[in-house]
PDB file of N, CA and C in Angstrom:
ATOM      1  N   UNK A   1     136.590 133.153 146.328  1.00  0.00           N
ATOM      2  CA  UNK A   1     135.683 132.312 144.705  1.00  0.00           C
ATOM      3  C   UNK A   1     134.790 133.293 144.268  1.00  0.00           C
ATOM      4  N   UNK A   2     134.528 133.954 143.442  1.00  0.00           N
ATOM      5  CA  UNK A   2     134.241 135.013 142.704  1.00  0.00           C
ATOM      6  C   UNK A   2     132.439 134.301 142.346  1.00  0.00           C
ATOM      7  N   UNK A   3     131.785 135.200 143.229  1.00  0.00           N
ATOM      8  CA  UNK A   3     129.893 134.911 142.779  1.00  0.00           C
ATOM      9  C   UNK A   3     129.917 134.614 141.514  1.00  0.00           C
ATOM     10  N   UNK A   4     130.094 135.419 140.545  1.00  0.00           N
ATOM     11  CA  UNK A   4     129.635 135.413 138.756  1.00  0.00           C
ATOM     12  C   UNK A   4     130.160 133.846 138.504  1.00  0.00           C
ATOM     13  N   UNK A   5     131.694 133.693 139.104  1.00  0.00           N
ATOM     14  CA  UNK A   5     132.523 132.621 138.526  1.00  0.00           C
ATOM     15  C   UNK A   5     131.458 131.265 138.468  1.00  0.00           C
ATOM     16  N   UNK A   6     131.011 131.335 139.835  1.00  0.00           N
ATOM     17  CA  UNK A   6     130.081 130.364 140.641  1.00  0.00           C
ATOM     18  C   UNK A   6     128.795 130.280 139.864  1.00  0.00           C
ATOM     19  N   UNK A   7     128.423 130.895 139.751  1.00  0.00           N
ATOM     20  CA  UNK A   7     127.069 130.899 139.559  1.00  0.00           C
ATOM     21  C   UNK A   7     126.957 130.799 137.753  1.00  0.00           C
ATOM     22  N   UNK A   8     128.088 131.053 136.540  1.00  0.00           N
ATOM     23  CA  UNK A   8     128.640 129.977 135.446  1.00  0.00           C
ATOM     24  C   UNK A   8     128.579 128.744 135.700  1.00  0.00           C
ATOM     25  N   UNK A   9     129.395 128.273 136.259  1.00  0.00           N
ATOM     26  CA  UNK A   9     129.297 127.156 136.653  1.00  0.00           C
ATOM     27  C   UNK A   9     128.326 126.335 136.774  1.00  0.00           C
ATOM     28  N   UNK A  10     127.733 126.855 137.615  1.00  0.00           N
ATOM     29  CA  UNK A  10     126.419 126.030 138.143  1.00  0.00           C
ATOM     30  C   UNK A  10     125.619 126.195 136.660  1.00  0.00           C
ATOM     31  N   UNK A  11     125.894 127.266 135.987  1.00  0.00           N
ATOM     32  CA  UNK A  11     124.504 127.656 134.851  1.00  0.00           C
ATOM     33  C   UNK A  11     125.148 126.175 134.009  1.00  0.00           C
ATOM     34  N   UNK A  12     126.337 126.159 133.638  1.00  0.00           N
ATOM     35  CA  UNK A  12     127.196 125.250 133.241  1.00  0.00           C
ATOM     36  C   UNK A  12     126.175 123.412 133.113  1.00  0.00           C
ATOM     37  N   UNK A  13     125.967 123.556 134.593  1.00  0.00           N
ATOM     38  CA  UNK A  13     125.563 122.474 135.003  1.00  0.00           C
ATOM     39  C   UNK A  13     123.974 121.642 134.807  1.00  0.00           C
ATOM     40  N   UNK A  14     123.570 122.853 134.715  1.00  0.00           N
ATOM     41  CA  UNK A  14     122.068 122.988 134.545  1.00  0.00           C
ATOM     42  C   UNK A  14     121.345 122.305 133.429  1.00  0.00           C
ATOM     43  N   UNK A  15     120.730 121.469 133.679  1.00  0.00           N
ATOM     44  CA  UNK A  15     120.309 120.905 132.110  1.00  0.00           C
ATOM     45  C   UNK A  15     119.466 121.874 131.454  1.00  0.00           C
ATOM     46  N   UNK A  16     119.719 121.995 130.457  1.00  0.00           N
ATOM     47  CA  UNK A  16     118.797 123.106 129.584  1.00  0.00           C
ATOM     48  C   UNK A  16     118.697 122.547 128.179  1.00  0.00           C
ATOM     49  N   UNK A  17     117.103 122.624 127.409  1.00  0.00           N
ATOM     50  CA  UNK A  17     117.219 122.223 125.700  1.00  0.00           C
ATOM     51  C   UNK A  17     116.888 123.437 125.147  1.00  0.00           C
ATOM     52  N   UNK A  18     117.185 123.548 123.656  1.00  0.00           N
ATOM     53  CA  UNK A  18     117.612 124.090 123.162  1.00  0.00           C
ATOM     54  C   UNK A  18     115.889 125.424 123.131  1.00  0.00           C
ATOM     55  N   UNK A  19     114.929 124.726 123.249  1.00  0.00           N
ATOM     56  CA  UNK A  19     113.618 125.025 124.056  1.00  0.00           C
ATOM     57  C   UNK A  19     113.223 125.826 125.214  1.00  0.00           C
ATOM     58  N   UNK A  20     113.734 126.842 125.414  1.00  0.00           N
ATOM     59  CA  UNK A  20     113.441 127.445 126.858  1.00  0.00           C
ATOM     60  C   UNK A  20     112.612 128.211 126.913  1.00  0.00           C
ATOM     61  N   UNK A  21     111.346 127.839 127.964  1.00  0.00           N
ATOM     62  CA  UNK A  21     110.046 128.102 128.179  1.00  0.00           C
ATOM     63  C   UNK A  21     109.638 129.389 129.122  1.00  0.00           C
ATOM     64  N   UNK A  22     110.088 130.807 128.597  1.00  0.00           N
ATOM     65  CA  UNK A  22     109.764 131.439 129.585  1.00  0.00           C
ATOM     66  C   UNK A  22     108.792 132.158 129.607  1.00  0.00           C
ATOM     67  N   UNK A  23     107.324 132.264 129.296  1.00  0.00           N
ATOM     68  CA  UNK A  23     105.953 132.542 129.577  1.00  0.00           C
ATOM     69  C   UNK A  23     105.398 131.490 130.484  1.00  0.00           C
ATOM     70  N   UNK A  24     105.433 131.533 131.965  1.00  0.00           N
ATOM     71  CA  UNK A  24     105.123 130.428 132.708  1.00  0.00           C
ATOM     72  C   UNK A  24     103.510 130.341 132.276  1.00  0.00           C
ATOM     73  N   UNK A  25     102.768 131.020 132.012  1.00  0.00           N
ATOM     74  CA  UNK A  25     101.331 130.792 131.836  1.00  0.00           C
ATOM     75  C   UNK A  25     100.815 129.636 130.911  1.00  0.00           C
ATOM     76  N   UNK A  26     102.066 129.668 129.296  1.00  0.00           N
ATOM     77  CA  UNK A  26     101.672 128.874 128.423  1.00  0.00           C
ATOM     78  C   UNK A  26     101.697 127.818 128.583  1.00  0.00           C
ATOM     79  N   UNK A  27     100.389 127.217 128.263  1.00  0.00           N
ATOM     80  CA  UNK A  27      99.576 126.006 128.431  1.00  0.00           C
ATOM     81  C   UNK A  27      98.465 126.007 129.364  1.00  0.00           C
ATOM     82  N   UNK A  28      98.538 126.994 130.078  1.00  0.00           N
ATOM     83  CA  UNK A  28      97.596 127.140 131.386  1.00  0.00           C
ATOM     84  C   UNK A  28      96.310 127.526 131.195  1.00  0.00           C
ATOM     85  N   UNK A  29      95.360 126.824 131.922  1.00  0.00           N
ATOM     86  CA  UNK A  29      93.690 127.262 131.328  1.00  0.00           C
ATOM     87  C   UNK A  29      93.580 128.940 131.334  1.00  0.00           C
ATOM     88  N   UNK A  30      92.695 129.236 130.814  1.00  0.00           N
ATOM     89  CA  UNK A  30      92.230 130.443 130.691  1.00  0.00           C
ATOM     90  C   UNK A  30      92.056 131.093 132.179  1.00  0.00           C
ATOM     91  N   UNK A  31      92.382 132.360 132.336  1.00  0.00           N
ATOM     92  CA  UNK A  31      91.794 132.747 133.478  1.00  0.00           C
ATOM     93  C   UNK A  31      90.197 132.747 133.964  1.00  0.00           C
ATOM     94  N   UNK A  32      89.845 132.217 135.272  1.00  0.00           N
ATOM     95  CA  UNK A  32      88.546 133.041 135.599  1.00  0.00           C
ATOM     96  C   UNK A  32      88.219 133.698 136.399  1.00  0.00           C
ATOM     97  N   UNK A  33      87.443 134.988 135.764  1.00  0.00           N
ATOM     98  CA  UNK A  33      87.375 135.784 136.422  1.00  0.00           C
ATOM     99  C   UNK A  33      85.725 135.850 137.546  1.00  0.00           C
ATOM    100  N   UNK A  34      85.460 136.109 138.458  1.00  0.00           N
ATOM    101  CA  UNK A  34      84.501 135.837 139.246  1.00  0.00           C
ATOM    102  C   UNK A  34      83.865 137.142 139.193  1.00  0.00           C
ATOM    103  N   UNK A  35      82.771 137.125 139.066  1.00  0.00           N
ATOM    104  CA  UNK A  35      81.488 138.803 139.264  1.00  0.00           C
ATOM    105  C   UNK A  35      81.141 138.205 140.717  1.00  0.00           C
ATOM    106  N   UNK A  36      81.216 137.688 141.396  1.00  0.00           N
ATOM    107  CA  UNK A  36      80.897 137.803 142.665  1.00  0.00           C
ATOM    108  C   UNK A  36      82.018 136.848 143.228  1.00  0.00           C
ATOM    109  N   UNK A  37      82.683 137.522 144.221  1.00  0.00           N
ATOM    110  CA  UNK A  37      83.472 136.791 144.950  1.00  0.00           C
ATOM    111  C   UNK A  37      83.889 135.560 145.693  1.00  0.00           C
ATOM    112  N   UNK A  38      82.040 135.567 146.481  1.00  0.00           N
ATOM    113  CA  UNK A  38      81.467 134.787 147.096  1.00  0.00           C
ATOM    114  C   UNK A  38      80.968 133.581 146.476  1.00  0.00           C
ATOM    115  N   UNK A  39      80.739 133.713 145.452  1.00  0.00           N
ATOM    116  CA  UNK A  39      80.552 132.180 144.359  1.00  0.00           C
ATOM    117  C   UNK A  39      80.912 132.282 142.990  1.00  0.00           C
ATOM    118  N   UNK A  40      81.625 130.543 143.143  1.00  0.00           N
ATOM    119  CA  UNK A  40      82.018 130.118 142.566  1.00  0.00           C
ATOM    120  C   UNK A  40      81.144 129.386 141.068  1.00  0.00           C
ATOM    121  N   UNK A  41      81.218 129.898 140.204  1.00  0.00           N
ATOM    122  CA  UNK A  41      80.684 129.665 138.665  1.00  0.00           C
ATOM    123  C   UNK A  41      80.630 128.261 138.666  1.00  0.00           C
ATOM    124  N   UNK A  42      79.720 127.466 138.237  1.00  0.00           N
ATOM    125  CA  UNK A  42      79.857 126.196 137.706  1.00  0.00           C
ATOM    126  C   UNK A  42      80.441 125.436 137.135  1.00  0.00           C
ATOM    127  N   UNK A  43      80.858 124.095 136.735  1.00  0.00           N
ATOM    128  CA  UNK A  43      82.185 124.270 135.680  1.00  0.00           C
ATOM    129  C   UNK A  43      83.211 123.829 135.810  1.00  0.00           C
ATOM    130  N   UNK A  44      83.805 123.072 134.994  1.00  0.00           N
ATOM    131  CA  UNK A  44      85.506 122.525 134.923  1.00  0.00           C
ATOM    132  C   UNK A  44      86.375 123.752 135.884  1.00  0.00           C
ATOM    133  N   UNK A  45      86.737 125.296 135.268  1.00  0.00           N
ATOM    134  CA  UNK A  45      87.447 125.718 135.777  1.00  0.00           C
ATOM    135  C   UNK A  45      87.112 126.258 137.516  1.00  0.00           C
ATOM    136  N   UNK A  46      85.656 126.533 137.265  1.00  0.00           N
ATOM    137  CA  UNK A  46      85.465 126.195 138.871  1.00  0.00           C
ATOM    138  C   UNK A  46      85.511 125.507 139.657  1.00  0.00           C
ATOM    139  N   UNK A  47      85.564 124.013 139.469  1.00  0.00           N
ATOM    140  CA  UNK A  47      86.123 123.759 140.449  1.00  0.00           C
ATOM    141  C   UNK A  47      87.335 122.900 140.819  1.00  0.00           C
ATOM    142  N   UNK A  48      88.127 123.596 138.966  1.00  0.00           N
ATOM    143  CA  UNK A  48      89.597 123.267 139.648  1.00  0.00           C
ATOM    144  C   UNK A  48      90.338 124.713 140.439  1.00  0.00           C
ATOM    145  N   UNK A  49      89.658 125.732 140.406  1.00  0.00           N
ATOM    146  CA  UNK A  49      89.587 127.154 141.614  1.00  0.00           C
ATOM    147  C   UNK A  49      89.297 126.542 142.872  1.00  0.00           C
ATOM    148  N   UNK A  50      88.218 125.796 142.822  1.00  0.00           N
ATOM    149  CA  UNK A  50      88.006 125.214 144.536  1.00  0.00           C
ATOM    150  C   UNK A  50      88.928 124.326 144.835  1.00  0.00           C
ATOM    151  N   UNK A  51      89.710 124.039 144.029  1.00  0.00           N
ATOM    152  CA  UNK A  51      90.643 122.783 143.939  1.00  0.00           C
ATOM    153  C   UNK A  51      92.108 123.705 144.536  1.00  0.00           C
ATOM    154  N   UNK A  52      92.351 124.495 144.399  1.00  0.00           N
ATOM    155  CA  UNK A  52      92.986 125.023 144.709  1.00  0.00           C
ATOM    156  C   UNK A  52      93.219 125.639 145.671  1.00  0.00           C
ATOM    157  N   UNK A  53      92.263 126.037 145.817  1.00  0.00           N
ATOM    158  CA  UNK A  53      91.998 127.099 147.146  1.00  0.00           C
ATOM    159  C   UNK A  53      91.845 126.536 148.534  1.00  0.00           C
ATOM    160  N   UNK A  54      91.557 124.855 148.067  1.00  0.00           N
ATOM    161  CA  UNK A  54      91.099 124.257 149.292  1.00  0.00           C
ATOM    162  C   UNK A  54      92.492 123.816 149.458  1.00  0.00           C
ATOM    163  N   UNK A  55      93.817 123.572 148.932  1.00  0.00           N
ATOM    164  CA  UNK A  55      94.892 123.105 148.680  1.00  0.00           C
ATOM    165  C   UNK A  55      96.075 124.223 149.582  1.00  0.00           C
ATOM    166  N   UNK A  56      95.628 125.454 149.464  1.00  0.00           N
ATOM    167  CA  UNK A  56      96.172 126.471 149.900  1.00  0.00           C
ATOM    168  C   UNK A  56      95.845 127.219 150.787  1.00  0.00           C
ATOM    169  N   UNK A  57      94.914 126.881 151.296  1.00  0.00           N
ATOM    170  CA  UNK A  57      94.284 127.720 153.101  1.00  0.00           C
ATOM    171  C   UNK A  57      95.121 127.628 153.567  1.00  0.00           C
TER     172      UNK A  57
END
């Protein structure tokens, strides 16, 4: 079995809409720039960053 034919068959089976989103950052919040890496600024963006950090320790 040729790998190209297997990939083509799997691509045909994969669900895909007409509008494929290629930008993974689309709809994501703006990046939070830290002036001091040891201090997170107050606010929703800082809380979100702290929560993500605690999940990925």
